[in-house]
Amino acid sequence: MQTLILKRCVLLISSVFLVFQSFSQSNNSNWRHELKEQLQLHGHRNWILVVDAAYPFQSKPAIKTVATNGDQLDVVKEVLKAVDEAPHVYAEVFLDKEIDFVPEAEAKGIEEYRNELNQLLKGRNITKKLHEDLIATIDEAAETFHILVLKTNLTIPYTSVFLRLDCGYWNAEQESKMRKQMSD
């Protein structure tokens, strides 16, 4: 009798574990699906943000926030790869200016994060602005354009990565030449 009860308990625990594991995996992949879907719709002037755990949950309807439950650098890597593979857009990278001033003594792990992020963003043009200015920019952009916010589990301040999308098949130089021809 005890053996039967023990076997049933093990079976029950195993079943609960499998259900939990599949729920976690589906939850973890939902952001990937959302990124894929949104990236097809997004174009120049849309934004994709990969943010830390304390990033605010903004209320504008054009700002969609998705919890990734993932590692921030892994999410950044996947988002950059997806954008780089999309033929219709490329990403301009914005970081919080404050990231360079957060001391390791007050935010354990910031040094390692900065180093890994710098490696990940190597060769990309990066603009740093004050965090509040970037949030205001997102708020203003959401008046007209959609924003996808992918929230991670990182608990280090000023680590959000802001990607403003631009046209991948038409650049500023081409636009300028065309405008000049139009005015002649």
C-alpha atoms as a PDB file:
ATOM      1  CA  MET A   1       0.000   0.000   0.000  1.00  0.00           C
ATOM      2  CA  GLN A   2       2.777   2.445   0.931  1.00  0.00           C
ATOM      3  CA  THR A   3       4.587   1.637  -2.316  1.00  0.00           C
ATOM      4  CA  LEU A   4       1.448   2.391  -4.321  1.00  0.00           C
ATOM      5  CA  ILE A   5       0.962   5.724  -2.525  1.00  0.00           C
ATOM      6  CA  LEU A   6       4.612   6.598  -3.049  1.00  0.00           C
ATOM      7  CA  LYS A   7       4.393   5.767  -6.775  1.00  0.00           C
ATOM      8  CA  ARG A   8       1.259   7.914  -7.123  1.00  0.00           C
ATOM      9  CA  CYS A   9       2.956  10.814  -5.318  1.00  0.00           C
ATOM     10  CA  VAL A  10       5.982  10.578  -7.611  1.00  0.00           C
ATOM     11  CA  LEU A  11       3.677  10.423 -10.643  1.00  0.00           C
ATOM     12  CA  LEU A  12       1.704  13.432  -9.402  1.00  0.00           C
ATOM     13  CA  ILE A  13       4.861  15.461  -8.713  1.00  0.00           C
ATOM     14  CA  SER A  14       6.238  14.523 -12.147  1.00  0.00           C
ATOM     15  CA  SER A  15       2.989  15.586 -13.816  1.00  0.00           C
ATOM     16  CA  VAL A  16       2.945  18.916 -11.984  1.00  0.00           C
ATOM     17  CA  PHE A  17       6.578  19.490 -12.949  1.00  0.00           C
ATOM     18  CA  LEU A  18       5.842  18.765 -16.643  1.00  0.00           C
ATOM     19  CA  VAL A  19       2.831  21.097 -16.665  1.00  0.00           C
ATOM     20  CA  PHE A  20       4.852  23.842 -14.982  1.00  0.00           C
ATOM     21  CA  GLN A  21       7.761  23.312 -17.386  1.00  0.00           C
ATOM     22  CA  SER A  22       5.535  23.501 -20.472  1.00  0.00           C
ATOM     23  CA  PHE A  23       3.797  26.608 -19.067  1.00  0.00           C
ATOM     24  CA  SER A  24       7.172  28.249 -18.456  1.00  0.00           C
ATOM     25  CA  GLN A  25       8.387  27.403 -21.940  1.00  0.00           C
ATOM     26  CA  SER A  26       5.225  28.674 -23.599  1.00  0.00           C
ATOM     27  CA  ASN A  27       5.356  31.848 -21.501  1.00  0.00           C
ATOM     28  CA  ASN A  28       9.002  32.298 -22.390  1.00  0.00           C
ATOM     29  CA  SER A  29       8.301  31.844 -26.096  1.00  0.00           C
ATOM     30  CA  ASN A  30       5.275  34.193 -26.133  1.00  0.00           C
ATOM     31  CA  TRP A  31       7.549  37.229 -26.295  1.00  0.00           C
ATOM     32  CA  ARG A  32       9.380  35.673 -29.238  1.00  0.00           C
ATOM     33  CA  HIS A  33       6.088  35.167 -31.042  1.00  0.00           C
ATOM     34  CA  GLU A  34       5.045  38.724 -30.162  1.00  0.00           C
ATOM     35  CA  LEU A  35       8.370  40.081 -31.457  1.00  0.00           C
ATOM     36  CA  LYS A  36       7.991  38.172 -34.733  1.00  0.00           C
ATOM     37  CA  GLU A  37       4.404  39.387 -35.196  1.00  0.00           C
ATOM     38  CA  GLN A  38       5.121  42.993 -34.247  1.00  0.00           C
ATOM     39  CA  LEU A  39       8.313  43.206 -36.302  1.00  0.00           C
ATOM     40  CA  GLN A  40       6.310  42.345 -39.420  1.00  0.00           C
ATOM     41  CA  LEU A  41       4.056  45.327 -38.686  1.00  0.00           C
ATOM     42  CA  HIS A  42       6.687  47.760 -37.424  1.00  0.00           C
ATOM     43  CA  GLY A  43       8.547  50.121 -39.712  1.00  0.00           C
ATOM     44  CA  HIS A  44      10.441  53.354 -39.462  1.00  0.00           C
ATOM     45  CA  ARG A  45       9.568  55.393 -36.358  1.00  0.00           C
ATOM     46  CA  ASN A  46       8.355  52.376 -34.380  1.00  0.00           C
ATOM     47  CA  TRP A  47      10.338  51.339 -31.311  1.00  0.00           C
ATOM     48  CA  ILE A  48      11.310  48.082 -29.623  1.00  0.00           C
ATOM     49  CA  LEU A  49      12.559  48.322 -26.047  1.00  0.00           C
ATOM     50  CA  VAL A  50      14.316  45.676 -23.988  1.00  0.00           C
ATOM     51  CA  VAL A  51      13.986  46.863 -20.422  1.00  0.00           C
ATOM     52  CA  ASP A  52      14.834  45.962 -16.840  1.00  0.00           C
ATOM     53  CA  ALA A  53      12.332  44.754 -14.263  1.00  0.00           C
ATOM     54  CA  ALA A  54      11.541  48.233 -12.857  1.00  0.00           C
ATOM     55  CA  TYR A  55      10.773  49.896 -16.206  1.00  0.00           C
ATOM     56  CA  PRO A  56       7.344  51.522 -15.889  1.00  0.00           C
ATOM     57  CA  PHE A  57       4.240  49.870 -17.312  1.00  0.00           C
ATOM     58  CA  GLN A  58       3.073  52.721 -19.510  1.00  0.00           C
ATOM     59  CA  SER A  59      -0.613  53.316 -20.075  1.00  0.00           C
ATOM     60  CA  LYS A  60      -0.786  54.511 -23.676  1.00  0.00           C
ATOM     61  CA  PRO A  61      -2.634  52.016 -25.874  1.00  0.00           C
ATOM     62  CA  ALA A  62       0.131  52.103 -28.515  1.00  0.00           C
ATOM     63  CA  ILE A  63       2.689  50.807 -25.995  1.00  0.00           C
ATOM     64  CA  LYS A  64       2.505  47.031 -25.666  1.00  0.00           C
ATOM     65  CA  THR A  65       4.465  45.558 -22.762  1.00  0.00           C
ATOM     66  CA  VAL A  66       5.324  41.854 -22.719  1.00  0.00           C
ATOM     67  CA  ALA A  67       7.034  40.101 -19.799  1.00  0.00           C
ATOM     68  CA  THR A  68       9.801  37.866 -21.110  1.00  0.00           C
ATOM     69  CA  ASN A  69      10.887  36.371 -17.779  1.00  0.00           C
ATOM     70  CA  GLY A  70      14.260  36.229 -19.523  1.00  0.00           C
ATOM     71  CA  ASP A  71      17.820  37.389 -19.210  1.00  0.00           C
ATOM     72  CA  GLN A  72      18.156  40.916 -20.557  1.00  0.00           C
ATOM     73  CA  LEU A  73      21.256  40.321 -22.679  1.00  0.00           C
ATOM     74  CA  ASP A  74      19.721  37.184 -24.205  1.00  0.00           C
ATOM     75  CA  VAL A  75      16.596  39.142 -25.135  1.00  0.00           C
ATOM     76  CA  VAL A  76      18.672  42.019 -26.577  1.00  0.00           C
ATOM     77  CA  LYS A  77      20.673  39.517 -28.638  1.00  0.00           C
ATOM     78  CA  GLU A  78      17.527  37.873 -30.039  1.00  0.00           C
ATOM     79  CA  VAL A  79      15.862  41.202 -30.812  1.00  0.00           C
ATOM     80  CA  LEU A  80      18.954  42.537 -32.613  1.00  0.00           C
ATOM     81  CA  LYS A  81      19.196  39.320 -34.619  1.00  0.00           C
ATOM     82  CA  ALA A  82      15.517  39.514 -35.607  1.00  0.00           C
ATOM     83  CA  VAL A  83      15.831  43.178 -36.631  1.00  0.00           C
ATOM     84  CA  ASP A  84      19.076  42.533 -38.528  1.00  0.00           C
ATOM     85  CA  GLU A  85      17.380  39.726 -40.453  1.00  0.00           C
ATOM     86  CA  ALA A  86      14.319  41.845 -41.306  1.00  0.00           C
ATOM     87  CA  PRO A  87      14.807  43.351 -44.775  1.00  0.00           C
ATOM     88  CA  HIS A  88      12.497  46.295 -44.169  1.00  0.00           C
ATOM     89  CA  VAL A  89      14.070  47.887 -41.058  1.00  0.00           C
ATOM     90  CA  TYR A  90      17.276  48.533 -39.174  1.00  0.00           C
ATOM     91  CA  ALA A  91      17.699  49.682 -35.589  1.00  0.00           C
ATOM     92  CA  GLU A  92      19.165  52.847 -34.144  1.00  0.00           C
ATOM     93  CA  VAL A  93      20.341  52.054 -30.604  1.00  0.00           C
ATOM     94  CA  PHE A  94      19.717  54.339 -27.621  1.00  0.00           C
ATOM     95  CA  LEU A  95      20.940  53.736 -24.079  1.00  0.00           C
ATOM     96  CA  ASP A  96      20.447  55.556 -20.817  1.00  0.00           C
ATOM     97  CA  LYS A  97      23.233  58.090 -20.324  1.00  0.00           C
ATOM     98  CA  GLU A  98      23.217  57.190 -16.637  1.00  0.00           C
ATOM     99  CA  ILE A  99      24.528  53.671 -17.383  1.00  0.00           C
ATOM    100  CA  ASP A 100      28.110  54.987 -17.484  1.00  0.00           C
ATOM    101  CA  PHE A 101      27.804  56.520 -14.018  1.00  0.00           C
ATOM    102  CA  VAL A 102      26.180  53.745 -11.981  1.00  0.00           C
ATOM    103  CA  PRO A 103      28.853  52.432  -9.565  1.00  0.00           C
ATOM    104  CA  GLU A 104      29.413  48.701  -9.089  1.00  0.00           C
ATOM    105  CA  ALA A 105      29.370  49.220  -5.309  1.00  0.00           C
ATOM    106  CA  GLU A 106      25.744  50.371  -5.487  1.00  0.00           C
ATOM    107  CA  ALA A 107      24.529  48.135  -8.318  1.00  0.00           C
ATOM    108  CA  LYS A 108      26.233  44.756  -8.172  1.00  0.00           C
ATOM    109  CA  GLY A 109      26.716  43.345 -11.654  1.00  0.00           C
ATOM    110  CA  ILE A 110      26.650  46.654 -13.572  1.00  0.00           C
ATOM    111  CA  GLU A 111      30.302  46.346 -14.671  1.00  0.00           C
ATOM    112  CA  GLU A 112      29.798  42.878 -16.113  1.00  0.00           C
ATOM    113  CA  TYR A 113      26.524  43.983 -17.734  1.00  0.00           C
ATOM    114  CA  ARG A 114      28.155  47.059 -19.322  1.00  0.00           C
ATOM    115  CA  ASN A 115      31.034  44.963 -20.684  1.00  0.00           C
ATOM    116  CA  GLU A 116      28.747  42.307 -22.136  1.00  0.00           C
ATOM    117  CA  LEU A 117      26.366  44.906 -23.593  1.00  0.00           C
ATOM    118  CA  ASN A 118      29.271  46.780 -25.187  1.00  0.00           C
ATOM    119  CA  GLN A 119      30.420  43.529 -26.814  1.00  0.00           C
ATOM    120  CA  LEU A 120      26.903  42.808 -28.020  1.00  0.00           C
ATOM    121  CA  LEU A 121      26.514  46.303 -29.490  1.00  0.00           C
ATOM    122  CA  LYS A 122      30.053  46.488 -30.922  1.00  0.00           C
ATOM    123  CA  GLY A 123      30.096  48.185 -34.311  1.00  0.00           C
ATOM    124  CA  ARG A 124      26.655  49.758 -33.865  1.00  0.00           C
ATOM    125  CA  ASN A 125      25.986  53.453 -33.624  1.00  0.00           C
ATOM    126  CA  ILE A 126      24.833  54.184 -30.062  1.00  0.00           C
ATOM    127  CA  THR A 127      23.242  57.362 -28.748  1.00  0.00           C
ATOM    128  CA  LYS A 128      23.050  57.940 -24.993  1.00  0.00           C
ATOM    129  CA  LYS A 129      20.374  60.172 -23.509  1.00  0.00           C
ATOM    130  CA  LEU A 130      19.023  60.768 -20.033  1.00  0.00           C
ATOM    131  CA  HIS A 131      16.575  58.057 -19.005  1.00  0.00           C
ATOM    132  CA  GLU A 132      13.715  60.497 -18.394  1.00  0.00           C
ATOM    133  CA  ASP A 133      14.272  62.010 -21.858  1.00  0.00           C
ATOM    134  CA  LEU A 134      14.098  58.566 -23.476  1.00  0.00           C
ATOM    135  CA  ILE A 135      10.875  57.750 -21.630  1.00  0.00           C
ATOM    136  CA  ALA A 136       9.439  61.125 -22.744  1.00  0.00           C
ATOM    137  CA  THR A 137      10.502  60.322 -26.327  1.00  0.00           C
ATOM    138  CA  ILE A 138       8.711  56.971 -26.131  1.00  0.00           C
ATOM    139  CA  ASP A 139       5.641  58.621 -24.642  1.00  0.00           C
ATOM    140  CA  GLU A 140       5.602  61.169 -27.474  1.00  0.00           C
ATOM    141  CA  ALA A 141       6.240  58.543 -30.172  1.00  0.00           C
ATOM    142  CA  ALA A 142       3.297  56.516 -28.824  1.00  0.00           C
ATOM    143  CA  GLU A 143       0.976  59.357 -29.837  1.00  0.00           C
ATOM    144  CA  THR A 144       1.405  58.184 -33.438  1.00  0.00           C
ATOM    145  CA  PHE A 145       3.459  54.978 -33.530  1.00  0.00           C
ATOM    146  CA  HIS A 146       3.416  51.573 -31.854  1.00  0.00           C
ATOM    147  CA  ILE A 147       6.035  50.618 -29.281  1.00  0.00           C
ATOM    148  CA  LEU A 148       6.895  47.073 -28.186  1.00  0.00           C
ATOM    149  CA  VAL A 149       8.365  46.824 -24.677  1.00  0.00           C
ATOM    150  CA  LEU A 150      10.003  43.514 -23.753  1.00  0.00           C
ATOM    151  CA  LYS A 151      10.401  43.471 -19.991  1.00  0.00           C
ATOM    152  CA  THR A 152      13.158  41.259 -18.556  1.00  0.00           C
ATOM    153  CA  ASN A 153      14.045  40.094 -15.075  1.00  0.00           C
ATOM    154  CA  LEU A 154      17.195  42.264 -14.767  1.00  0.00           C
ATOM    155  CA  THR A 155      17.380  44.259 -11.537  1.00  0.00           C
ATOM    156  CA  ILE A 156      20.179  46.694 -12.353  1.00  0.00           C
ATOM    157  CA  PRO A 157      19.262  50.360 -12.938  1.00  0.00           C
ATOM    158  CA  TYR A 158      19.596  52.237 -16.233  1.00  0.00           C
ATOM    159  CA  THR A 159      20.115  49.151 -18.356  1.00  0.00           C
ATOM    160  CA  SER A 160      17.260  49.498 -20.837  1.00  0.00           C
ATOM    161  CA  VAL A 161      18.033  49.225 -24.543  1.00  0.00           C
ATOM    162  CA  PHE A 162      15.882  51.373 -26.828  1.00  0.00           C
ATOM    163  CA  LEU A 163      15.739  50.514 -30.537  1.00  0.00           C
ATOM    164  CA  ARG A 164      14.193  53.055 -32.891  1.00  0.00           C
ATOM    165  CA  LEU A 165      13.447  51.404 -36.197  1.00  0.00           C
ATOM    166  CA  ASP A 166      14.195  53.046 -39.484  1.00  0.00           C
ATOM    167  CA  CYS A 167      13.679  52.015 -43.086  1.00  0.00           C
ATOM    168  CA  GLY A 168      16.038  49.231 -44.081  1.00  0.00           C
ATOM    169  CA  TYR A 169      15.921  49.825 -47.820  1.00  0.00           C
ATOM    170  CA  TRP A 170      15.981  53.639 -48.029  1.00  0.00           C
ATOM    171  CA  ASN A 171      18.469  55.793 -46.129  1.00  0.00           C
ATOM    172  CA  ALA A 172      18.848  59.470 -45.233  1.00  0.00           C
ATOM    173  CA  GLU A 173      21.318  60.096 -48.048  1.00  0.00           C
ATOM    174  CA  GLN A 174      18.920  58.662 -50.641  1.00  0.00           C
ATOM    175  CA  GLU A 175      16.112  60.739 -49.167  1.00  0.00           C
ATOM    176  CA  SER A 176      18.215  63.902 -49.295  1.00  0.00           C
ATOM    177  CA  LYS A 177      19.173  63.349 -52.947  1.00  0.00           C
ATOM    178  CA  MET A 178      15.550  62.771 -53.899  1.00  0.00           C
ATOM    179  CA  ARG A 179      14.378  65.902 -52.013  1.00  0.00           C
ATOM    180  CA  LYS A 180      17.066  67.958 -53.738  1.00  0.00           C
ATOM    181  CA  GLN A 181      15.898  66.701 -57.145  1.00  0.00           C
ATOM    182  CA  MET A 182      12.317  67.522 -56.224  1.00  0.00           C
ATOM    183  CA  SER A 183      13.205  71.125 -55.412  1.00  0.00           C
ATOM    184  CA  ASP A 184      15.123  71.707 -58.673  1.00  0.00           C
END
